[in-house]
Amino acid sequence: DFREEQFADRALAAAVYPEKDYHRTYIGEIVQ
């Protein structure tokens, strides 16, 4: 999950996540 304290640009976090509903990042190996 994205976490507020990990944002180097706190203004970006506030602008994109006013509800603090942070995205979950999924990394997938492209197998096909």
PDB file of all heavy atoms in Angstrom:
ATOM      1  N   ASP A   1       0.825  -1.206   0.000  1.00  0.00           N
ATOM      2  CA  ASP A   1       0.000   0.000   0.000  1.00  0.00           C
ATOM      3  C   ASP A   1       0.860   1.257   0.000  1.00  0.00           C
ATOM      4  O   ASP A   1       1.921   1.295   0.637  1.00  0.00           O
ATOM      5  CB  ASP A   1      -0.882   0.028   1.252  1.00  0.00           C
ATOM      6  CG  ASP A   1      -1.880  -1.102   1.278  1.00  0.00           C
ATOM      7  OD1 ASP A   1      -2.327  -1.531   0.203  1.00  0.00           O
ATOM      8  OD2 ASP A   1      -2.219  -1.560   2.381  1.00  0.00           O
ATOM      9  N   PHE A   2       0.362   2.289  -0.694  1.00  0.00           N
ATOM     10  CA  PHE A   2       0.948   3.612  -0.529  1.00  0.00           C
ATOM     11  C   PHE A   2       0.673   4.034   0.917  1.00  0.00           C
ATOM     12  O   PHE A   2      -0.388   3.721   1.468  1.00  0.00           O
ATOM     13  CB  PHE A   2       0.293   4.625  -1.468  1.00  0.00           C
ATOM     14  CG  PHE A   2       0.704   4.537  -2.909  1.00  0.00           C
ATOM     15  CD1 PHE A   2       0.097   5.361  -3.838  1.00  0.00           C
ATOM     16  CD2 PHE A   2       1.670   3.664  -3.362  1.00  0.00           C
ATOM     17  CE1 PHE A   2       0.450   5.325  -5.174  1.00  0.00           C
ATOM     18  CE2 PHE A   2       2.033   3.613  -4.695  1.00  0.00           C
ATOM     19  CZ  PHE A   2       1.423   4.450  -5.598  1.00  0.00           C
ATOM     20  N   ARG A   3       1.609   4.772   1.496  1.00  0.00           N
ATOM     21  CA  ARG A   3       1.420   5.270   2.855  1.00  0.00           C
ATOM     22  C   ARG A   3       1.766   6.747   2.884  1.00  0.00           C
ATOM     23  O   ARG A   3       2.757   7.173   2.281  1.00  0.00           O
ATOM     24  CB  ARG A   3       2.300   4.493   3.825  1.00  0.00           C
ATOM     25  CG  ARG A   3       1.938   3.021   3.901  1.00  0.00           C
ATOM     26  CD  ARG A   3       2.624   2.273   5.030  1.00  0.00           C
ATOM     27  NE  ARG A   3       3.856   2.886   5.489  1.00  0.00           N
ATOM     28  CZ  ARG A   3       5.041   2.278   5.517  1.00  0.00           C
ATOM     29  NH1 ARG A   3       5.157   1.039   5.079  1.00  0.00           N
ATOM     30  NH2 ARG A   3       6.102   2.893   5.976  1.00  0.00           N
ATOM     31  N   GLU A   4       0.960   7.502   3.585  1.00  0.00           N
ATOM     32  CA  GLU A   4       1.122   8.959   3.628  1.00  0.00           C
ATOM     33  C   GLU A   4       2.542   9.361   4.028  1.00  0.00           C
ATOM     34  O   GLU A   4       3.134  10.247   3.402  1.00  0.00           O
ATOM     35  CB  GLU A   4       0.108   9.558   4.602  1.00  0.00           C
ATOM     36  CG  GLU A   4       0.159  11.068   4.666  1.00  0.00           C
ATOM     37  CD  GLU A   4      -0.917  11.643   5.567  1.00  0.00           C
ATOM     38  OE1 GLU A   4      -1.537  10.894   6.338  1.00  0.00           O
ATOM     39  OE2 GLU A   4      -1.134  12.863   5.487  1.00  0.00           O
ATOM     40  N   GLU A   5       3.095   8.706   5.019  1.00  0.00           N
ATOM     41  CA  GLU A   5       4.416   9.096   5.517  1.00  0.00           C
ATOM     42  C   GLU A   5       5.537   8.804   4.526  1.00  0.00           C
ATOM     43  O   GLU A   5       6.647   9.304   4.675  1.00  0.00           O
ATOM     44  CB  GLU A   5       4.713   8.431   6.880  1.00  0.00           C
ATOM     45  CG  GLU A   5       4.808   6.932   6.845  1.00  0.00           C
ATOM     46  CD  GLU A   5       3.478   6.207   7.023  1.00  0.00           C
ATOM     47  OE1 GLU A   5       2.405   6.834   6.946  1.00  0.00           O
ATOM     48  OE2 GLU A   5       3.529   4.984   7.213  1.00  0.00           O
ATOM     49  N   GLN A   6       5.266   8.037   3.494  1.00  0.00           N
ATOM     50  CA  GLN A   6       6.278   7.718   2.493  1.00  0.00           C
ATOM     51  C   GLN A   6       6.330   8.730   1.343  1.00  0.00           C
ATOM     52  O   GLN A   6       7.243   8.684   0.528  1.00  0.00           O
ATOM     53  CB  GLN A   6       6.037   6.319   1.929  1.00  0.00           C
ATOM     54  CG  GLN A   6       6.184   5.203   2.957  1.00  0.00           C
ATOM     55  CD  GLN A   6       7.571   5.169   3.570  1.00  0.00           C
ATOM     56  OE1 GLN A   6       7.753   5.493   4.724  1.00  0.00           O
ATOM     57  NE2 GLN A   6       8.547   4.798   2.788  1.00  0.00           N
ATOM     58  N   PHE A   7       5.358   9.622   1.268  1.00  0.00           N
ATOM     59  CA  PHE A   7       5.340  10.619   0.203  1.00  0.00           C
ATOM     60  C   PHE A   7       6.402  11.682   0.466  1.00  0.00           C
ATOM     61  O   PHE A   7       6.386  12.343   1.507  1.00  0.00           O
ATOM     62  CB  PHE A   7       3.968  11.298   0.094  1.00  0.00           C
ATOM     63  CG  PHE A   7       2.967  10.515  -0.699  1.00  0.00           C
ATOM     64  CD1 PHE A   7       2.203   9.528  -0.094  1.00  0.00           C
ATOM     65  CD2 PHE A   7       2.784  10.768  -2.056  1.00  0.00           C
ATOM     66  CE1 PHE A   7       1.281   8.801  -0.820  1.00  0.00           C
ATOM     67  CE2 PHE A   7       1.858  10.040  -2.790  1.00  0.00           C
ATOM     68  CZ  PHE A   7       1.108   9.051  -2.165  1.00  0.00           C
ATOM     69  N   ALA A   8       7.316  11.860  -0.472  1.00  0.00           N
ATOM     70  CA  ALA A   8       8.290  12.944  -0.383  1.00  0.00           C
ATOM     71  C   ALA A   8       7.595  14.276  -0.647  1.00  0.00           C
ATOM     72  O   ALA A   8       7.963  15.301  -0.077  1.00  0.00           O
ATOM     73  CB  ALA A   8       9.421  12.722  -1.387  1.00  0.00           C
ATOM     74  N   ASP A   9       6.580  14.250  -1.490  1.00  0.00           N
ATOM     75  CA  ASP A   9       5.790  15.440  -1.821  1.00  0.00           C
ATOM     76  C   ASP A   9       4.449  15.320  -1.098  1.00  0.00           C
ATOM     77  O   ASP A   9       3.499  14.729  -1.604  1.00  0.00           O
ATOM     78  CB  ASP A   9       5.603  15.517  -3.341  1.00  0.00           C
ATOM     79  CG  ASP A   9       4.849  16.755  -3.780  1.00  0.00           C
ATOM     80  OD1 ASP A   9       4.187  17.399  -2.949  1.00  0.00           O
ATOM     81  OD2 ASP A   9       4.901  17.067  -4.989  1.00  0.00           O
ATOM     82  N   ARG A  10       4.374  15.866   0.098  1.00  0.00           N
ATOM     83  CA  ARG A  10       3.159  15.765   0.916  1.00  0.00           C
ATOM     84  C   ARG A  10       1.976  16.460   0.262  1.00  0.00           C
ATOM     85  O   ARG A  10       0.824  16.053   0.444  1.00  0.00           O
ATOM     86  CB  ARG A  10       3.391  16.325   2.323  1.00  0.00           C
ATOM     87  CG  ARG A  10       4.439  15.578   3.124  1.00  0.00           C
ATOM     88  CD  ARG A  10       3.941  14.159   3.434  1.00  0.00           C
ATOM     89  NE  ARG A  10       4.975  13.351   4.019  1.00  0.00           N
ATOM     90  CZ  ARG A  10       5.033  12.989   5.280  1.00  0.00           C
ATOM     91  NH1 ARG A  10       4.094  13.366   6.106  1.00  0.00           N
ATOM     92  NH2 ARG A  10       6.022  12.240   5.709  1.00  0.00           N
ATOM     93  N   ALA A  11       2.236  17.506  -0.520  1.00  0.00           N
ATOM     94  CA  ALA A  11       1.143  18.205  -1.218  1.00  0.00           C
ATOM     95  C   ALA A  11       0.489  17.279  -2.235  1.00  0.00           C
ATOM     96  O   ALA A  11      -0.735  17.311  -2.424  1.00  0.00           O
ATOM     97  CB  ALA A  11       1.668  19.476  -1.897  1.00  0.00           C
ATOM     98  N   LEU A  12       1.274  16.441  -2.885  1.00  0.00           N
ATOM     99  CA  LEU A  12       0.732  15.468  -3.837  1.00  0.00           C
ATOM    100  C   LEU A  12      -0.180  14.479  -3.117  1.00  0.00           C
ATOM    101  O   LEU A  12      -1.295  14.202  -3.560  1.00  0.00           O
ATOM    102  CB  LEU A  12       1.863  14.725  -4.553  1.00  0.00           C
ATOM    103  CG  LEU A  12       1.439  13.633  -5.525  1.00  0.00           C
ATOM    104  CD1 LEU A  12       0.639  14.214  -6.688  1.00  0.00           C
ATOM    105  CD2 LEU A  12       2.656  12.887  -6.037  1.00  0.00           C
ATOM    106  N   ALA A  13       0.271  13.974  -1.991  1.00  0.00           N
ATOM    107  CA  ALA A  13      -0.553  13.032  -1.210  1.00  0.00           C
ATOM    108  C   ALA A  13      -1.872  13.677  -0.816  1.00  0.00           C
ATOM    109  O   ALA A  13      -2.938  13.065  -0.946  1.00  0.00           O
ATOM    110  CB  ALA A  13       0.203  12.560   0.023  1.00  0.00           C
ATOM    111  N   ALA A  14      -1.829  14.906  -0.359  1.00  0.00           N
ATOM    112  CA  ALA A  14      -3.049  15.607   0.054  1.00  0.00           C
ATOM    113  C   ALA A  14      -3.976  15.865  -1.126  1.00  0.00           C
ATOM    114  O   ALA A  14      -5.201  15.735  -1.011  1.00  0.00           O
ATOM    115  CB  ALA A  14      -2.686  16.923   0.738  1.00  0.00           C
ATOM    116  N   ALA A  15      -3.406  16.179  -2.276  1.00  0.00           N
ATOM    117  CA  ALA A  15      -4.219  16.477  -3.461  1.00  0.00           C
ATOM    118  C   ALA A  15      -4.862  15.231  -4.057  1.00  0.00           C
ATOM    119  O   ALA A  15      -6.021  15.245  -4.459  1.00  0.00           O
ATOM    120  CB  ALA A  15      -3.357  17.180  -4.521  1.00  0.00           C
ATOM    121  N   VAL A  16      -4.129  14.128  -4.123  1.00  0.00           N
ATOM    122  CA  VAL A  16      -4.613  12.911  -4.768  1.00  0.00           C
ATOM    123  C   VAL A  16      -5.420  12.043  -3.802  1.00  0.00           C
ATOM    124  O   VAL A  16      -6.316  11.316  -4.227  1.00  0.00           O
ATOM    125  CB  VAL A  16      -3.432  12.112  -5.372  1.00  0.00           C
ATOM    126  CG1 VAL A  16      -3.902  10.806  -5.996  1.00  0.00           C
ATOM    127  CG2 VAL A  16      -2.695  12.954  -6.417  1.00  0.00           C
ATOM    128  N   TYR A  17      -5.123  12.141  -2.507  1.00  0.00           N
ATOM    129  CA  TYR A  17      -5.772  11.275  -1.511  1.00  0.00           C
ATOM    130  C   TYR A  17      -6.410  12.078  -0.379  1.00  0.00           C
ATOM    131  O   TYR A  17      -6.092  11.861   0.796  1.00  0.00           O
ATOM    132  CB  TYR A  17      -4.759  10.280  -0.942  1.00  0.00           C
ATOM    133  CG  TYR A  17      -4.168   9.374  -1.985  1.00  0.00           C
ATOM    134  CD1 TYR A  17      -2.878   9.588  -2.474  1.00  0.00           C
ATOM    135  CD2 TYR A  17      -4.894   8.305  -2.497  1.00  0.00           C
ATOM    136  CE1 TYR A  17      -2.337   8.756  -3.440  1.00  0.00           C
ATOM    137  CE2 TYR A  17      -4.361   7.470  -3.467  1.00  0.00           C
ATOM    138  CZ  TYR A  17      -3.086   7.708  -3.932  1.00  0.00           C
ATOM    139  OH  TYR A  17      -2.552   6.886  -4.889  1.00  0.00           O
ATOM    140  N   PRO A  18      -7.337  12.975  -0.679  1.00  0.00           N
ATOM    141  CA  PRO A  18      -7.964  13.748   0.408  1.00  0.00           C
ATOM    142  C   PRO A  18      -8.723  12.849   1.391  1.00  0.00           C
ATOM    143  O   PRO A  18      -8.870  13.189   2.564  1.00  0.00           O
ATOM    144  CB  PRO A  18      -8.901  14.711  -0.318  1.00  0.00           C
ATOM    145  CG  PRO A  18      -9.146  14.090  -1.652  1.00  0.00           C
ATOM    146  CD  PRO A  18      -7.897  13.318  -1.981  1.00  0.00           C
ATOM    147  N   GLU A  19      -9.174  11.686   0.909  1.00  0.00           N
ATOM    148  CA  GLU A  19      -9.895  10.738   1.768  1.00  0.00           C
ATOM    149  C   GLU A  19      -8.952   9.700   2.387  1.00  0.00           C
ATOM    150  O   GLU A  19      -9.414   8.784   3.066  1.00  0.00           O
ATOM    151  CB  GLU A  19     -10.992  10.020   0.966  1.00  0.00           C
ATOM    152  CG  GLU A  19     -11.981  10.946   0.277  1.00  0.00           C
ATOM    153  CD  GLU A  19     -12.794  11.756   1.265  1.00  0.00           C
ATOM    154  OE1 GLU A  19     -13.206  11.192   2.296  1.00  0.00           O
ATOM    155  OE2 GLU A  19     -13.006  12.952   1.008  1.00  0.00           O
ATOM    156  N   LYS A  20      -7.656   9.820   2.083  1.00  0.00           N
ATOM    157  CA  LYS A  20      -6.632   8.880   2.570  1.00  0.00           C
ATOM    158  C   LYS A  20      -6.911   7.432   2.129  1.00  0.00           C
ATOM    159  O   LYS A  20      -6.562   6.487   2.817  1.00  0.00           O
ATOM    160  CB  LYS A  20      -6.483   8.990   4.082  1.00  0.00           C
ATOM    161  CG  LYS A  20      -6.082  10.398   4.514  1.00  0.00           C
ATOM    162  CD  LYS A  20      -5.613  10.437   5.930  1.00  0.00           C
ATOM    163  CE  LYS A  20      -5.262  11.837   6.371  1.00  0.00           C
ATOM    164  NZ  LYS A  20      -4.247  12.508   5.638  1.00  0.00           N
ATOM    165  N   ASP A  21      -7.510   7.289   0.959  1.00  0.00           N
ATOM    166  CA  ASP A  21      -7.813   5.967   0.383  1.00  0.00           C
ATOM    167  C   ASP A  21      -6.695   5.573  -0.590  1.00  0.00           C
ATOM    168  O   ASP A  21      -6.880   5.512  -1.778  1.00  0.00           O
ATOM    169  CB  ASP A  21      -9.174   5.960  -0.300  1.00  0.00           C
ATOM    170  CG  ASP A  21      -9.311   7.027  -1.375  1.00  0.00           C
ATOM    171  OD1 ASP A  21      -8.526   8.002  -1.377  1.00  0.00           O
ATOM    172  OD2 ASP A  21     -10.217   6.893  -2.215  1.00  0.00           O
ATOM    173  N   TYR A  22      -5.546   5.303  -0.037  1.00  0.00           N
ATOM    174  CA  TYR A  22      -4.340   5.053  -0.810  1.00  0.00           C
ATOM    175  C   TYR A  22      -4.431   3.779  -1.642  1.00  0.00           C
ATOM    176  O   TYR A  22      -4.984   2.774  -1.198  1.00  0.00           O
ATOM    177  CB  TYR A  22      -3.132   4.976   0.126  1.00  0.00           C
ATOM    178  CG  TYR A  22      -2.962   6.231   0.945  1.00  0.00           C
ATOM    179  CD1 TYR A  22      -3.346   6.272   2.278  1.00  0.00           C
ATOM    180  CD2 TYR A  22      -2.471   7.381   0.355  1.00  0.00           C
ATOM    181  CE1 TYR A  22      -3.217   7.439   3.019  1.00  0.00           C
ATOM    182  CE2 TYR A  22      -2.338   8.555   1.082  1.00  0.00           C
ATOM    183  CZ  TYR A  22      -2.717   8.579   2.418  1.00  0.00           C
ATOM    184  OH  TYR A  22      -2.608   9.733   3.137  1.00  0.00           O
ATOM    185  N   HIS A  23      -3.880   3.862  -2.828  1.00  0.00           N
ATOM    186  CA  HIS A  23      -3.839   2.707  -3.724  1.00  0.00           C
ATOM    187  C   HIS A  23      -2.960   1.597  -3.146  1.00  0.00           C
ATOM    188  O   HIS A  23      -2.008   1.855  -2.420  1.00  0.00           O
ATOM    189  CB  HIS A  23      -3.236   3.101  -5.082  1.00  0.00           C
ATOM    190  CG  HIS A  23      -4.158   3.849  -5.962  1.00  0.00           C
ATOM    191  ND1 HIS A  23      -4.337   5.212  -5.871  1.00  0.00           N
ATOM    192  CD2 HIS A  23      -4.960   3.431  -6.982  1.00  0.00           C
ATOM    193  CE1 HIS A  23      -5.203   5.600  -6.800  1.00  0.00           C
ATOM    194  NE2 HIS A  23      -5.592   4.542  -7.483  1.00  0.00           N
ATOM    195  N   ARG A  24      -3.265   0.376  -3.557  1.00  0.00           N
ATOM    196  CA  ARG A  24      -2.368  -0.749  -3.351  1.00  0.00           C
ATOM    197  C   ARG A  24      -1.641  -0.954  -4.674  1.00  0.00           C
ATOM    198  O   ARG A  24      -2.247  -0.945  -5.740  1.00  0.00           O
ATOM    199  CB  ARG A  24      -3.112  -2.015  -2.967  1.00  0.00           C
ATOM    200  CG  ARG A  24      -2.161  -3.230  -2.895  1.00  0.00           C
ATOM    201  CD  ARG A  24      -2.692  -4.342  -2.093  1.00  0.00           C
ATOM    202  NE  ARG A  24      -2.581  -3.974  -0.676  1.00  0.00           N
ATOM    203  CZ  ARG A  24      -2.937  -4.763   0.326  1.00  0.00           C
ATOM    204  NH1 ARG A  24      -3.432  -5.952   0.076  1.00  0.00           N
ATOM    205  NH2 ARG A  24      -2.802  -4.371   1.562  1.00  0.00           N
ATOM    206  N   THR A  25      -0.345  -1.125  -4.598  1.00  0.00           N
ATOM    207  CA  THR A  25       0.493  -1.406  -5.754  1.00  0.00           C
ATOM    208  C   THR A  25       0.597  -2.912  -5.923  1.00  0.00           C
ATOM    209  O   THR A  25       0.848  -3.629  -4.953  1.00  0.00           O
ATOM    210  CB  THR A  25       1.912  -0.840  -5.529  1.00  0.00           C
ATOM    211  OG1 THR A  25       1.817   0.561  -5.297  1.00  0.00           O
ATOM    212  CG2 THR A  25       2.805  -1.112  -6.725  1.00  0.00           C
ATOM    213  N   TYR A  26       0.396  -3.372  -7.147  1.00  0.00           N
ATOM    214  CA  TYR A  26       0.581  -4.789  -7.478  1.00  0.00           C
ATOM    215  C   TYR A  26       1.652  -4.871  -8.556  1.00  0.00           C
ATOM    216  O   TYR A  26       1.551  -4.212  -9.590  1.00  0.00           O
ATOM    217  CB  TYR A  26      -0.705  -5.412  -8.017  1.00  0.00           C
ATOM    218  CG  TYR A  26      -1.816  -5.475  -7.005  1.00  0.00           C
ATOM    219  CD1 TYR A  26      -2.762  -4.459  -6.941  1.00  0.00           C
ATOM    220  CD2 TYR A  26      -1.917  -6.547  -6.118  1.00  0.00           C
ATOM    221  CE1 TYR A  26      -3.787  -4.506  -6.010  1.00  0.00           C
ATOM    222  CE2 TYR A  26      -2.937  -6.599  -5.187  1.00  0.00           C
ATOM    223  CZ  TYR A  26      -3.872  -5.576  -5.135  1.00  0.00           C
ATOM    224  OH  TYR A  26      -4.883  -5.617  -4.210  1.00  0.00           O
ATOM    225  N   ILE A  27       2.653  -5.679  -8.303  1.00  0.00           N
ATOM    226  CA  ILE A  27       3.693  -5.924  -9.294  1.00  0.00           C
ATOM    227  C   ILE A  27       3.526  -7.361  -9.760  1.00  0.00           C
ATOM    228  O   ILE A  27       3.511  -8.288  -8.943  1.00  0.00           O
ATOM    229  CB  ILE A  27       5.106  -5.713  -8.718  1.00  0.00           C
ATOM    230  CG1 ILE A  27       5.252  -4.270  -8.219  1.00  0.00           C
ATOM    231  CG2 ILE A  27       6.166  -6.038  -9.778  1.00  0.00           C
ATOM    232  CD1 ILE A  27       6.534  -4.015  -7.450  1.00  0.00           C
ATOM    233  N   GLY A  28       3.368  -7.524 -11.071  1.00  0.00           N
ATOM    234  CA  GLY A  28       3.200  -8.851 -11.634  1.00  0.00           C
ATOM    235  C   GLY A  28       4.250  -9.155 -12.684  1.00  0.00           C
ATOM    236  O   GLY A  28       4.593  -8.288 -13.489  1.00  0.00           O
ATOM    237  N   GLU A  29       4.771 -10.367 -12.628  1.00  0.00           N
ATOM    238  CA  GLU A  29       5.682 -10.821 -13.685  1.00  0.00           C
ATOM    239  C   GLU A  29       4.866 -11.054 -14.939  1.00  0.00           C
ATOM    240  O   GLU A  29       3.864 -11.762 -14.911  1.00  0.00           O
ATOM    241  CB  GLU A  29       6.375 -12.109 -13.271  1.00  0.00           C
ATOM    242  CG  GLU A  29       7.264 -12.682 -14.359  1.00  0.00           C
ATOM    243  CD  GLU A  29       7.872 -14.030 -14.004  1.00  0.00           C
ATOM    244  OE1 GLU A  29       7.510 -14.615 -12.973  1.00  0.00           O
ATOM    245  OE2 GLU A  29       8.699 -14.488 -14.807  1.00  0.00           O
ATOM    246  N   ILE A  30       5.286 -10.480 -16.049  1.00  0.00           N
ATOM    247  CA  ILE A  30       4.611 -10.715 -17.327  1.00  0.00           C
ATOM    248  C   ILE A  30       5.028 -12.097 -17.798  1.00  0.00           C
ATOM    249  O   ILE A  30       6.173 -12.315 -18.193  1.00  0.00           O
ATOM    250  CB  ILE A  30       4.962  -9.641 -18.372  1.00  0.00           C
ATOM    251  CG1 ILE A  30       4.617  -8.252 -17.858  1.00  0.00           C
ATOM    252  CG2 ILE A  30       4.217  -9.933 -19.694  1.00  0.00           C
ATOM    253  CD1 ILE A  30       5.157  -7.108 -18.705  1.00  0.00           C
ATOM    254  N   VAL A  31       4.095 -13.053 -17.717  1.00  0.00           N
ATOM    255  CA  VAL A  31       4.424 -14.440 -18.060  1.00  0.00           C
ATOM    256  C   VAL A  31       3.943 -14.814 -19.457  1.00  0.00           C
ATOM    257  O   VAL A  31       4.362 -15.835 -20.005  1.00  0.00           O
ATOM    258  CB  VAL A  31       3.842 -15.432 -17.023  1.00  0.00           C
ATOM    259  CG1 VAL A  31       4.478 -15.211 -15.661  1.00  0.00           C
ATOM    260  CG2 VAL A  31       2.332 -15.340 -16.947  1.00  0.00           C
ATOM    261  N   GLN A  32       3.079 -13.990 -20.009  1.00  0.00           N
ATOM    262  CA  GLN A  32       2.539 -14.296 -21.347  1.00  0.00           C
ATOM    263  C   GLN A  32       2.065 -12.994 -21.974  1.00  0.00           C
ATOM    264  O   GLN A  32       1.505 -12.123 -21.296  1.00  0.00           O
ATOM    265  CB  GLN A  32       1.370 -15.280 -21.196  1.00  0.00           C
ATOM    266  CG  GLN A  32       0.850 -15.868 -22.476  1.00  0.00           C
ATOM    267  CD  GLN A  32      -0.248 -16.911 -22.197  1.00  0.00           C
ATOM    268  OE1 GLN A  32      -1.011 -16.803 -21.245  1.00  0.00           O
ATOM    269  NE2 GLN A  32      -0.300 -17.932 -23.046  1.00  0.00           N
TER     270      GLN A  32
END
